[in-house]
Amino acid sequence: MIHELRIYHCVPGRLPALLRRFETITLKIWERHGIRQAGFWTVGIGESNQVLYYLLAWESLAERERKWNAFQADPEWIAKRAETEKDGAIVAKVTNEILIPTAFSAVK
């Protein structure tokens, strides 16, 4: 099992729109594509409160590539994303890292 850490840096003031999009649109489309989330976090105390962190769980890099590419090409996702951004961009920057557990990690 590997995890992907994705960090979304929102346009100032747009974090609520991003959270709403995940809750009402994205997660349902992910479910259809078999994408498994391991958790979502916002910042309570820290450098910025306009950031969303989340983890995705993958069996392999091949699974990640196949399912993520299918999600990105999904016509419903493309349409809904455009609809939610009609008033402007929500996310200014996305970073991601593939995390591999250590031998002593509680998560394997």
PDB file of N, CA and C in Angstrom:
ATOM      1  N   MET A   1       0.849  -1.182   0.000  1.00  0.00           N
ATOM      2  CA  MET A   1       0.000   0.000   0.000  1.00  0.00           C
ATOM      3  C   MET A   1       0.891   1.241   0.000  1.00  0.00           C
ATOM      4  N   ILE A   2       0.554   2.159  -0.853  1.00  0.00           N
ATOM      5  CA  ILE A   2       1.220   3.462  -0.850  1.00  0.00           C
ATOM      6  C   ILE A   2       0.151   4.533  -0.639  1.00  0.00           C
ATOM      7  N   HIS A   3       0.590   5.683  -0.189  1.00  0.00           N
ATOM      8  CA  HIS A   3      -0.326   6.809   0.003  1.00  0.00           C
ATOM      9  C   HIS A   3       0.176   7.990  -0.809  1.00  0.00           C
ATOM     10  N   GLU A   4      -0.757   8.768  -1.269  1.00  0.00           N
ATOM     11  CA  GLU A   4      -0.439   9.991  -1.992  1.00  0.00           C
ATOM     12  C   GLU A   4      -0.924  11.158  -1.150  1.00  0.00           C
ATOM     13  N   LEU A   5      -0.005  12.033  -0.809  1.00  0.00           N
ATOM     14  CA  LEU A   5      -0.339  13.256  -0.086  1.00  0.00           C
ATOM     15  C   LEU A   5      -0.542  14.350  -1.111  1.00  0.00           C
ATOM     16  N   ARG A   6      -1.730  14.924  -1.131  1.00  0.00           N
ATOM     17  CA  ARG A   6      -2.048  16.018  -2.047  1.00  0.00           C
ATOM     18  C   ARG A   6      -2.337  17.260  -1.206  1.00  0.00           C
ATOM     19  N   ILE A   7      -1.760  18.380  -1.612  1.00  0.00           N
ATOM     20  CA  ILE A   7      -1.910  19.636  -0.890  1.00  0.00           C
ATOM     21  C   ILE A   7      -2.450  20.677  -1.859  1.00  0.00           C
ATOM     22  N   TYR A   8      -3.613  21.220  -1.528  1.00  0.00           N
ATOM     23  CA  TYR A   8      -4.266  22.226  -2.369  1.00  0.00           C
ATOM     24  C   TYR A   8      -4.168  23.582  -1.671  1.00  0.00           C
ATOM     25  N   HIS A   9      -3.465  24.500  -2.299  1.00  0.00           N
ATOM     26  CA  HIS A   9      -3.333  25.869  -1.817  1.00  0.00           C
ATOM     27  C   HIS A   9      -4.406  26.685  -2.532  1.00  0.00           C
ATOM     28  N   CYS A  10      -5.393  27.138  -1.788  1.00  0.00           N
ATOM     29  CA  CYS A  10      -6.543  27.811  -2.388  1.00  0.00           C
ATOM     30  C   CYS A  10      -6.263  29.279  -2.681  1.00  0.00           C
ATOM     31  N   VAL A  11      -6.989  29.775  -3.660  1.00  0.00           N
ATOM     32  CA  VAL A  11      -7.064  31.208  -3.893  1.00  0.00           C
ATOM     33  C   VAL A  11      -7.671  31.792  -2.613  1.00  0.00           C
ATOM     34  N   PRO A  12      -7.169  32.930  -2.109  1.00  0.00           N
ATOM     35  CA  PRO A  12      -7.696  33.480  -0.855  1.00  0.00           C
ATOM     36  C   PRO A  12      -9.230  33.544  -0.838  1.00  0.00           C
ATOM     37  N   GLY A  13      -9.799  33.005   0.242  1.00  0.00           N
ATOM     38  CA  GLY A  13     -11.235  33.014   0.435  1.00  0.00           C
ATOM     39  C   GLY A  13     -12.000  31.886  -0.249  1.00  0.00           C
ATOM     40  N   ARG A  14     -11.302  31.016  -1.001  1.00  0.00           N
ATOM     41  CA  ARG A  14     -11.997  29.992  -1.790  1.00  0.00           C
ATOM     42  C   ARG A  14     -11.969  28.597  -1.164  1.00  0.00           C
ATOM     43  N   LEU A  15     -11.371  28.445   0.028  1.00  0.00           N
ATOM     44  CA  LEU A  15     -11.355  27.131   0.669  1.00  0.00           C
ATOM     45  C   LEU A  15     -12.772  26.580   0.885  1.00  0.00           C
ATOM     46  N   PRO A  16     -13.747  27.370   1.331  1.00  0.00           N
ATOM     47  CA  PRO A  16     -15.096  26.812   1.481  1.00  0.00           C
ATOM     48  C   PRO A  16     -15.652  26.226   0.174  1.00  0.00           C
ATOM     49  N   ALA A  17     -15.367  26.860  -0.943  1.00  0.00           N
ATOM     50  CA  ALA A  17     -15.837  26.335  -2.237  1.00  0.00           C
ATOM     51  C   ALA A  17     -15.165  25.011  -2.560  1.00  0.00           C
ATOM     52  N   LEU A  18     -13.882  24.876  -2.233  1.00  0.00           N
ATOM     53  CA  LEU A  18     -13.173  23.621  -2.478  1.00  0.00           C
ATOM     54  C   LEU A  18     -13.736  22.505  -1.602  1.00  0.00           C
ATOM     55  N   LEU A  19     -13.955  22.794  -0.339  1.00  0.00           N
ATOM     56  CA  LEU A  19     -14.514  21.798   0.570  1.00  0.00           C
ATOM     57  C   LEU A  19     -15.896  21.351   0.111  1.00  0.00           C
ATOM     58  N   ARG A  20     -16.715  22.300  -0.307  1.00  0.00           N
ATOM     59  CA  ARG A  20     -18.057  21.981  -0.801  1.00  0.00           C
ATOM     60  C   ARG A  20     -17.975  21.099  -2.052  1.00  0.00           C
ATOM     61  N   ARG A  21     -17.032  21.405  -2.956  1.00  0.00           N
ATOM     62  CA  ARG A  21     -16.887  20.603  -4.170  1.00  0.00           C
ATOM     63  C   ARG A  21     -16.487  19.165  -3.838  1.00  0.00           C
ATOM     64  N   PHE A  22     -15.550  18.987  -2.916  1.00  0.00           N
ATOM     65  CA  PHE A  22     -15.182  17.622  -2.516  1.00  0.00           C
ATOM     66  C   PHE A  22     -16.378  16.895  -1.917  1.00  0.00           C
ATOM     67  N   GLU A  23     -17.067  17.556  -1.000  1.00  0.00           N
ATOM     68  CA  GLU A  23     -18.158  16.907  -0.271  1.00  0.00           C
ATOM     69  C   GLU A  23     -19.344  16.555  -1.174  1.00  0.00           C
ATOM     70  N   THR A  24     -19.670  17.409  -2.119  1.00  0.00           N
ATOM     71  CA  THR A  24     -20.883  17.206  -2.909  1.00  0.00           C
ATOM     72  C   THR A  24     -20.651  16.620  -4.299  1.00  0.00           C
ATOM     73  N   ILE A  25     -19.422  16.698  -4.810  1.00  0.00           N
ATOM     74  CA  ILE A  25     -19.167  16.254  -6.190  1.00  0.00           C
ATOM     75  C   ILE A  25     -18.038  15.235  -6.279  1.00  0.00           C
ATOM     76  N   THR A  26     -16.848  15.657  -5.882  1.00  0.00           N
ATOM     77  CA  THR A  26     -15.636  14.871  -6.141  1.00  0.00           C
ATOM     78  C   THR A  26     -15.683  13.482  -5.520  1.00  0.00           C
ATOM     79  N   LEU A  27     -16.062  13.391  -4.247  1.00  0.00           N
ATOM     80  CA  LEU A  27     -16.040  12.087  -3.576  1.00  0.00           C
ATOM     81  C   LEU A  27     -16.958  11.073  -4.243  1.00  0.00           C
ATOM     82  N   LYS A  28     -18.088  11.522  -4.769  1.00  0.00           N
ATOM     83  CA  LYS A  28     -19.006  10.612  -5.463  1.00  0.00           C
ATOM     84  C   LYS A  28     -18.384  10.094  -6.762  1.00  0.00           C
ATOM     85  N   ILE A  29     -17.686  10.965  -7.459  1.00  0.00           N
ATOM     86  CA  ILE A  29     -17.028  10.538  -8.701  1.00  0.00           C
ATOM     87  C   ILE A  29     -15.866   9.610  -8.381  1.00  0.00           C
ATOM     88  N   TRP A  30     -15.105   9.916  -7.334  1.00  0.00           N
ATOM     89  CA  TRP A  30     -14.023   9.020  -6.918  1.00  0.00           C
ATOM     90  C   TRP A  30     -14.560   7.635  -6.602  1.00  0.00           C
ATOM     91  N   GLU A  31     -15.676   7.578  -5.909  1.00  0.00           N
ATOM     92  CA  GLU A  31     -16.259   6.280  -5.546  1.00  0.00           C
ATOM     93  C   GLU A  31     -16.535   5.452  -6.799  1.00  0.00           C
ATOM     94  N   ARG A  32     -17.054   6.095  -7.810  1.00  0.00           N
ATOM     95  CA  ARG A  32     -17.340   5.406  -9.069  1.00  0.00           C
ATOM     96  C   ARG A  32     -16.064   4.867  -9.721  1.00  0.00           C
ATOM     97  N   HIS A  33     -14.940   5.571  -9.534  1.00  0.00           N
ATOM     98  CA  HIS A  33     -13.659   5.163 -10.124  1.00  0.00           C
ATOM     99  C   HIS A  33     -12.833   4.280  -9.184  1.00  0.00           C
ATOM    100  N   GLY A  34     -13.330   4.014  -7.980  1.00  0.00           N
ATOM    101  CA  GLY A  34     -12.604   3.170  -7.039  1.00  0.00           C
ATOM    102  C   GLY A  34     -11.437   3.865  -6.364  1.00  0.00           C
ATOM    103  N   ILE A  35     -11.469   5.193  -6.288  1.00  0.00           N
ATOM    104  CA  ILE A  35     -10.404   5.953  -5.622  1.00  0.00           C
ATOM    105  C   ILE A  35     -10.743   6.026  -4.132  1.00  0.00           C
ATOM    106  N   ARG A  36      -9.777   5.607  -3.298  1.00  0.00           N
ATOM    107  CA  ARG A  36      -9.972   5.529  -1.850  1.00  0.00           C
ATOM    108  C   ARG A  36      -9.252   6.673  -1.137  1.00  0.00           C
ATOM    109  N   GLN A  37     -10.010   7.452  -0.389  1.00  0.00           N
ATOM    110  CA  GLN A  37      -9.380   8.505   0.412  1.00  0.00           C
ATOM    111  C   GLN A  37      -9.075   7.970   1.799  1.00  0.00           C
ATOM    112  N   ALA A  38      -7.958   8.439   2.373  1.00  0.00           N
ATOM    113  CA  ALA A  38      -7.551   8.024   3.711  1.00  0.00           C
ATOM    114  C   ALA A  38      -7.731   9.150   4.722  1.00  0.00           C
ATOM    115  N   GLY A  39      -8.180  10.308   4.275  1.00  0.00           N
ATOM    116  CA  GLY A  39      -8.441  11.409   5.194  1.00  0.00           C
ATOM    117  C   GLY A  39      -8.215  12.762   4.563  1.00  0.00           C
ATOM    118  N   PHE A  40      -8.905  13.766   5.119  1.00  0.00           N
ATOM    119  CA  PHE A  40      -8.804  15.159   4.695  1.00  0.00           C
ATOM    120  C   PHE A  40      -8.541  16.020   5.923  1.00  0.00           C
ATOM    121  N   TRP A  41      -7.729  17.066   5.753  1.00  0.00           N
ATOM    122  CA  TRP A  41      -7.407  17.968   6.859  1.00  0.00           C
ATOM    123  C   TRP A  41      -7.309  19.404   6.373  1.00  0.00           C
ATOM    124  N   THR A  42      -7.767  20.321   7.219  1.00  0.00           N
ATOM    125  CA  THR A  42      -7.508  21.738   7.027  1.00  0.00           C
ATOM    126  C   THR A  42      -6.606  22.180   8.177  1.00  0.00           C
ATOM    127  N   VAL A  43      -6.118  23.398   8.109  1.00  0.00           N
ATOM    128  CA  VAL A  43      -5.172  23.901   9.094  1.00  0.00           C
ATOM    129  C   VAL A  43      -5.913  24.670  10.182  1.00  0.00           C
ATOM    130  N   GLY A  44      -5.748  24.230  11.432  1.00  0.00           N
ATOM    131  CA  GLY A  44      -6.317  24.933  12.576  1.00  0.00           C
ATOM    132  C   GLY A  44      -5.346  25.968  13.119  1.00  0.00           C
ATOM    133  N   ILE A  45      -4.102  25.573  13.210  1.00  0.00           N
ATOM    134  CA  ILE A  45      -3.037  26.467  13.654  1.00  0.00           C
ATOM    135  C   ILE A  45      -1.864  26.220  12.717  1.00  0.00           C
ATOM    136  N   GLY A  46      -1.369  27.253  12.094  1.00  0.00           N
ATOM    137  CA  GLY A  46      -0.251  27.082  11.174  1.00  0.00           C
ATOM    138  C   GLY A  46      -0.081  28.285  10.271  1.00  0.00           C
ATOM    139  N   GLU A  47       0.699  28.070   9.230  1.00  0.00           N
ATOM    140  CA  GLU A  47       1.079  29.162   8.339  1.00  0.00           C
ATOM    141  C   GLU A  47      -0.096  29.714   7.538  1.00  0.00           C
ATOM    142  N   SER A  48      -0.989  28.844   7.069  1.00  0.00           N
ATOM    143  CA  SER A  48      -2.103  29.297   6.236  1.00  0.00           C
ATOM    144  C   SER A  48      -3.358  28.491   6.540  1.00  0.00           C
ATOM    145  N   ASN A  49      -4.486  29.166   6.611  1.00  0.00           N
ATOM    146  CA  ASN A  49      -5.755  28.467   6.798  1.00  0.00           C
ATOM    147  C   ASN A  49      -6.504  28.356   5.465  1.00  0.00           C
ATOM    148  N   GLN A  50      -5.806  28.481   4.365  1.00  0.00           N
ATOM    149  CA  GLN A  50      -6.386  28.366   3.021  1.00  0.00           C
ATOM    150  C   GLN A  50      -5.811  27.157   2.289  1.00  0.00           C
ATOM    151  N   VAL A  51      -5.496  26.102   3.058  1.00  0.00           N
ATOM    152  CA  VAL A  51      -4.862  24.911   2.502  1.00  0.00           C
ATOM    153  C   VAL A  51      -5.670  23.675   2.891  1.00  0.00           C
ATOM    154  N   LEU A  52      -5.802  22.754   1.950  1.00  0.00           N
ATOM    155  CA  LEU A  52      -6.435  21.467   2.206  1.00  0.00           C
ATOM    156  C   LEU A  52      -5.396  20.380   1.966  1.00  0.00           C
ATOM    157  N   TYR A  53      -5.255  19.496   2.938  1.00  0.00           N
ATOM    158  CA  TYR A  53      -4.373  18.335   2.829  1.00  0.00           C
ATOM    159  C   TYR A  53      -5.249  17.098   2.755  1.00  0.00           C
ATOM    160  N   TYR A  54      -4.882  16.147   1.887  1.00  0.00           N
ATOM    161  CA  TYR A  54      -5.585  14.872   1.934  1.00  0.00           C
ATOM    162  C   TYR A  54      -4.685  13.751   1.458  1.00  0.00           C
ATOM    163  N   LEU A  55      -5.045  12.537   1.892  1.00  0.00           N
ATOM    164  CA  LEU A  55      -4.306  11.329   1.528  1.00  0.00           C
ATOM    165  C   LEU A  55      -5.205  10.412   0.721  1.00  0.00           C
ATOM    166  N   LEU A  56      -4.621   9.833  -0.322  1.00  0.00           N
ATOM    167  CA  LEU A  56      -5.276   8.792  -1.099  1.00  0.00           C
ATOM    168  C   LEU A  56      -4.513   7.503  -0.887  1.00  0.00           C
ATOM    169  N   ALA A  57      -5.209   6.381  -0.851  1.00  0.00           N
ATOM    170  CA  ALA A  57      -4.595   5.068  -0.655  1.00  0.00           C
ATOM    171  C   ALA A  57      -4.602   4.310  -1.977  1.00  0.00           C
ATOM    172  N   TRP A  58      -3.443   3.790  -2.346  1.00  0.00           N
ATOM    173  CA  TRP A  58      -3.289   3.042  -3.602  1.00  0.00           C
ATOM    174  C   TRP A  58      -2.592   1.718  -3.327  1.00  0.00           C
ATOM    175  N   GLU A  59      -2.969   0.700  -4.081  1.00  0.00           N
ATOM    176  CA  GLU A  59      -2.271  -0.588  -4.002  1.00  0.00           C
ATOM    177  C   GLU A  59      -0.910  -0.511  -4.700  1.00  0.00           C
ATOM    178  N   SER A  60      -0.825   0.314  -5.753  1.00  0.00           N
ATOM    179  CA  SER A  60       0.412   0.418  -6.533  1.00  0.00           C
ATOM    180  C   SER A  60       0.397   1.707  -7.348  1.00  0.00           C
ATOM    181  N   LEU A  61       1.545   2.056  -7.895  1.00  0.00           N
ATOM    182  CA  LEU A  61       1.608   3.215  -8.788  1.00  0.00           C
ATOM    183  C   LEU A  61       0.801   2.974 -10.058  1.00  0.00           C
ATOM    184  N   ALA A  62       0.756   1.733 -10.506  1.00  0.00           N
ATOM    185  CA  ALA A  62      -0.024   1.406 -11.702  1.00  0.00           C
ATOM    186  C   ALA A  62      -1.509   1.653 -11.454  1.00  0.00           C
ATOM    187  N   GLU A  63      -2.008   1.244 -10.273  1.00  0.00           N
ATOM    188  CA  GLU A  63      -3.405   1.506  -9.942  1.00  0.00           C
ATOM    189  C   GLU A  63      -3.659   3.005  -9.896  1.00  0.00           C
ATOM    190  N   ARG A  64      -2.752   3.745  -9.287  1.00  0.00           N
ATOM    191  CA  ARG A  64      -2.900   5.197  -9.197  1.00  0.00           C
ATOM    192  C   ARG A  64      -2.993   5.820 -10.583  1.00  0.00           C
ATOM    193  N   GLU A  65      -2.088   5.435 -11.449  1.00  0.00           N
ATOM    194  CA  GLU A  65      -2.074   6.018 -12.799  1.00  0.00           C
ATOM    195  C   GLU A  65      -3.378   5.712 -13.544  1.00  0.00           C
ATOM    196  N   ARG A  66      -3.805   4.483 -13.496  1.00  0.00           N
ATOM    197  CA  ARG A  66      -5.010   4.059 -14.214  1.00  0.00           C
ATOM    198  C   ARG A  66      -6.259   4.790 -13.691  1.00  0.00           C
ATOM    199  N   LYS A  67      -6.451   4.775 -12.379  1.00  0.00           N
ATOM    200  CA  LYS A  67      -7.667   5.352 -11.808  1.00  0.00           C
ATOM    201  C   LYS A  67      -7.652   6.882 -11.819  1.00  0.00           C
ATOM    202  N   TRP A  68      -6.494   7.488 -11.547  1.00  0.00           N
ATOM    203  CA  TRP A  68      -6.425   8.946 -11.543  1.00  0.00           C
ATOM    204  C   TRP A  68      -6.637   9.498 -12.948  1.00  0.00           C
ATOM    205  N   ASN A  69      -6.046   8.865 -13.945  1.00  0.00           N
ATOM    206  CA  ASN A  69      -6.234   9.303 -15.325  1.00  0.00           C
ATOM    207  C   ASN A  69      -7.688   9.172 -15.757  1.00  0.00           C
ATOM    208  N   ALA A  70      -8.344   8.093 -15.349  1.00  0.00           N
ATOM    209  CA  ALA A  70      -9.762   7.912 -15.684  1.00  0.00           C
ATOM    210  C   ALA A  70     -10.605   8.999 -15.017  1.00  0.00           C
ATOM    211  N   PHE A  71     -10.295   9.324 -13.772  1.00  0.00           N
ATOM    212  CA  PHE A  71     -11.016  10.387 -13.071  1.00  0.00           C
ATOM    213  C   PHE A  71     -10.820  11.730 -13.769  1.00  0.00           C
ATOM    214  N   GLN A  72      -9.578  12.054 -14.100  1.00  0.00           N
ATOM    215  CA  GLN A  72      -9.289  13.334 -14.736  1.00  0.00           C
ATOM    216  C   GLN A  72      -9.991  13.487 -16.088  1.00  0.00           C
ATOM    217  N   ALA A  73     -10.226  12.379 -16.776  1.00  0.00           N
ATOM    218  CA  ALA A  73     -10.874  12.401 -18.088  1.00  0.00           C
ATOM    219  C   ALA A  73     -12.395  12.227 -17.999  1.00  0.00           C
ATOM    220  N   ASP A  74     -12.932  12.018 -16.817  1.00  0.00           N
ATOM    221  CA  ASP A  74     -14.357  11.770 -16.637  1.00  0.00           C
ATOM    222  C   ASP A  74     -15.163  13.001 -17.072  1.00  0.00           C
ATOM    223  N   PRO A  75     -16.089  12.843 -18.006  1.00  0.00           N
ATOM    224  CA  PRO A  75     -16.869  13.982 -18.493  1.00  0.00           C
ATOM    225  C   PRO A  75     -17.669  14.699 -17.395  1.00  0.00           C
ATOM    226  N   GLU A  76     -18.208  13.931 -16.445  1.00  0.00           N
ATOM    227  CA  GLU A  76     -18.946  14.570 -15.348  1.00  0.00           C
ATOM    228  C   GLU A  76     -18.013  15.444 -14.519  1.00  0.00           C
ATOM    229  N   TRP A  77     -16.807  14.944 -14.204  1.00  0.00           N
ATOM    230  CA  TRP A  77     -15.846  15.721 -13.427  1.00  0.00           C
ATOM    231  C   TRP A  77     -15.461  16.996 -14.167  1.00  0.00           C
ATOM    232  N   ILE A  78     -15.180  16.872 -15.453  1.00  0.00           N
ATOM    233  CA  ILE A  78     -14.776  18.037 -16.245  1.00  0.00           C
ATOM    234  C   ILE A  78     -15.874  19.101 -16.224  1.00  0.00           C
ATOM    235  N   ALA A  79     -17.123  18.679 -16.408  1.00  0.00           N
ATOM    236  CA  ALA A  79     -18.247  19.623 -16.422  1.00  0.00           C
ATOM    237  C   ALA A  79     -18.476  20.247 -15.047  1.00  0.00           C
ATOM    238  N   LYS A  80     -18.470  19.430 -14.002  1.00  0.00           N
ATOM    239  CA  LYS A  80     -18.729  19.933 -12.650  1.00  0.00           C
ATOM    240  C   LYS A  80     -17.606  20.846 -12.173  1.00  0.00           C
ATOM    241  N   ARG A  81     -16.376  20.497 -12.517  1.00  0.00           N
ATOM    242  CA  ARG A  81     -15.250  21.356 -12.134  1.00  0.00           C
ATOM    243  C   ARG A  81     -15.400  22.722 -12.785  1.00  0.00           C
ATOM    244  N   ALA A  82     -15.712  22.747 -14.078  1.00  0.00           N
ATOM    245  CA  ALA A  82     -15.901  24.017 -14.782  1.00  0.00           C
ATOM    246  C   ALA A  82     -17.041  24.817 -14.159  1.00  0.00           C
ATOM    247  N   GLU A  83     -18.114  24.139 -13.811  1.00  0.00           N
ATOM    248  CA  GLU A  83     -19.267  24.803 -13.199  1.00  0.00           C
ATOM    249  C   GLU A  83     -18.895  25.443 -11.867  1.00  0.00           C
ATOM    250  N   THR A  84     -18.113  24.740 -11.052  1.00  0.00           N
ATOM    251  CA  THR A  84     -17.741  25.273  -9.732  1.00  0.00           C
ATOM    252  C   THR A  84     -16.702  26.386  -9.835  1.00  0.00           C
ATOM    253  N   GLU A  85     -16.078  26.517 -10.994  1.00  0.00           N
ATOM    254  CA  GLU A  85     -15.070  27.568 -11.178  1.00  0.00           C
ATOM    255  C   GLU A  85     -15.576  28.705 -12.066  1.00  0.00           C
ATOM    256  N   LYS A  86     -16.881  28.783 -12.282  1.00  0.00           N
ATOM    257  CA  LYS A  86     -17.436  29.827 -13.150  1.00  0.00           C
ATOM    258  C   LYS A  86     -17.167  31.227 -12.590  1.00  0.00           C
ATOM    259  N   ASP A  87     -17.018  31.340 -11.271  1.00  0.00           N
ATOM    260  CA  ASP A  87     -16.719  32.629 -10.639  1.00  0.00           C
ATOM    261  C   ASP A  87     -15.229  32.836 -10.406  1.00  0.00           C
ATOM    262  N   GLY A  88     -14.409  31.961 -10.963  1.00  0.00           N
ATOM    263  CA  GLY A  88     -12.962  32.079 -10.818  1.00  0.00           C
ATOM    264  C   GLY A  88     -12.351  30.808 -10.252  1.00  0.00           C
ATOM    265  N   ALA A  89     -11.048  30.737 -10.364  1.00  0.00           N
ATOM    266  CA  ALA A  89     -10.304  29.572  -9.886  1.00  0.00           C
ATOM    267  C   ALA A  89     -10.498  29.390  -8.384  1.00  0.00           C
ATOM    268  N   ILE A  90     -10.461  28.143  -7.971  1.00  0.00           N
ATOM    269  CA  ILE A  90     -10.559  27.802  -6.547  1.00  0.00           C
ATOM    270  C   ILE A  90      -9.172  27.510  -5.985  1.00  0.00           C
ATOM    271  N   VAL A  91      -8.374  26.793  -6.753  1.00  0.00           N
ATOM    272  CA  VAL A  91      -7.058  26.347  -6.297  1.00  0.00           C
ATOM    273  C   VAL A  91      -5.965  27.102  -7.055  1.00  0.00           C
ATOM    274  N   ALA A  92      -5.022  27.651  -6.289  1.00  0.00           N
ATOM    275  CA  ALA A  92      -3.904  28.374  -6.893  1.00  0.00           C
ATOM    276  C   ALA A  92      -2.741  27.441  -7.226  1.00  0.00           C
ATOM    277  N   LYS A  93      -2.567  26.393  -6.400  1.00  0.00           N
ATOM    278  CA  LYS A  93      -1.413  25.500  -6.568  1.00  0.00           C
ATOM    279  C   LYS A  93      -1.731  24.154  -5.939  1.00  0.00           C
ATOM    280  N   VAL A  94      -1.315  23.088  -6.615  1.00  0.00           N
ATOM    281  CA  VAL A  94      -1.458  21.729  -6.090  1.00  0.00           C
ATOM    282  C   VAL A  94      -0.074  21.099  -6.043  1.00  0.00           C
ATOM    283  N   THR A  95       0.238  20.475  -4.919  1.00  0.00           N
ATOM    284  CA  THR A  95       1.452  19.670  -4.840  1.00  0.00           C
ATOM    285  C   THR A  95       1.043  18.269  -4.407  1.00  0.00           C
ATOM    286  N   ASN A  96       1.839  17.294  -4.808  1.00  0.00           N
ATOM    287  CA  ASN A  96       1.561  15.931  -4.364  1.00  0.00           C
ATOM    288  C   ASN A  96       2.860  15.168  -4.201  1.00  0.00           C
ATOM    289  N   GLU A  97       2.803  14.213  -3.309  1.00  0.00           N
ATOM    290  CA  GLU A  97       3.944  13.338  -3.022  1.00  0.00           C
ATOM    291  C   GLU A  97       3.417  11.929  -2.841  1.00  0.00           C
ATOM    292  N   ILE A  98       4.154  10.964  -3.359  1.00  0.00           N
ATOM    293  CA  ILE A  98       3.839   9.557  -3.142  1.00  0.00           C
ATOM    294  C   ILE A  98       4.636   9.113  -1.924  1.00  0.00           C
ATOM    295  N   LEU A  99       3.938   8.642  -0.902  1.00  0.00           N
ATOM    296  CA  LEU A  99       4.559   8.241   0.358  1.00  0.00           C
ATOM    297  C   LEU A  99       4.612   6.724   0.429  1.00  0.00           C
ATOM    298  N   ILE A 100       5.753   6.206   0.815  1.00  0.00           N
ATOM    299  CA  ILE A 100       5.955   4.765   0.955  1.00  0.00           C
ATOM    300  C   ILE A 100       6.250   4.488   2.423  1.00  0.00           C
ATOM    301  N   PRO A 101       5.524   3.572   3.052  1.00  0.00           N
ATOM    302  CA  PRO A 101       5.711   3.347   4.485  1.00  0.00           C
ATOM    303  C   PRO A 101       7.094   2.762   4.804  1.00  0.00           C
ATOM    304  N   THR A 102       7.595   3.168   5.945  1.00  0.00           N
ATOM    305  CA  THR A 102       8.847   2.597   6.439  1.00  0.00           C
ATOM    306  C   THR A 102       8.591   1.219   7.024  1.00  0.00           C
ATOM    307  N   ALA A 103       9.646   0.485   7.314  1.00  0.00           N
ATOM    308  CA  ALA A 103       9.525  -0.855   7.881  1.00  0.00           C
ATOM    309  C   ALA A 103       8.834  -0.834   9.252  1.00  0.00           C
ATOM    310  N   PHE A 104       8.925   0.293   9.955  1.00  0.00           N
ATOM    311  CA  PHE A 104       8.373   0.373  11.306  1.00  0.00           C
ATOM    312  C   PHE A 104       7.057   1.167  11.363  1.00  0.00           C
ATOM    313  N   SER A 105       6.478   1.477  10.227  1.00  0.00           N
ATOM    314  CA  SER A 105       5.233   2.238  10.180  1.00  0.00           C
ATOM    315  C   SER A 105       4.048   1.390  10.637  1.00  0.00           C
ATOM    316  N   ALA A 106       3.128   2.030  11.368  1.00  0.00           N
ATOM    317  CA  ALA A 106       1.895   1.332  11.760  1.00  0.00           C
ATOM    318  C   ALA A 106       0.997   1.080  10.553  1.00  0.00           C
ATOM    319  N   VAL A 107       1.148   1.915   9.524  1.00  0.00           N
ATOM    320  CA  VAL A 107       0.382   1.768   8.293  1.00  0.00           C
ATOM    321  C   VAL A 107       1.270   1.069   7.272  1.00  0.00           C
ATOM    322  N   LYS A 108       0.813  -0.052   6.755  1.00  0.00           N
ATOM    323  CA  LYS A 108       1.602  -0.821   5.779  1.00  0.00           C
ATOM    324  C   LYS A 108       0.999  -0.721   4.417  1.00  0.00           C
TER     325      LYS A 108
END
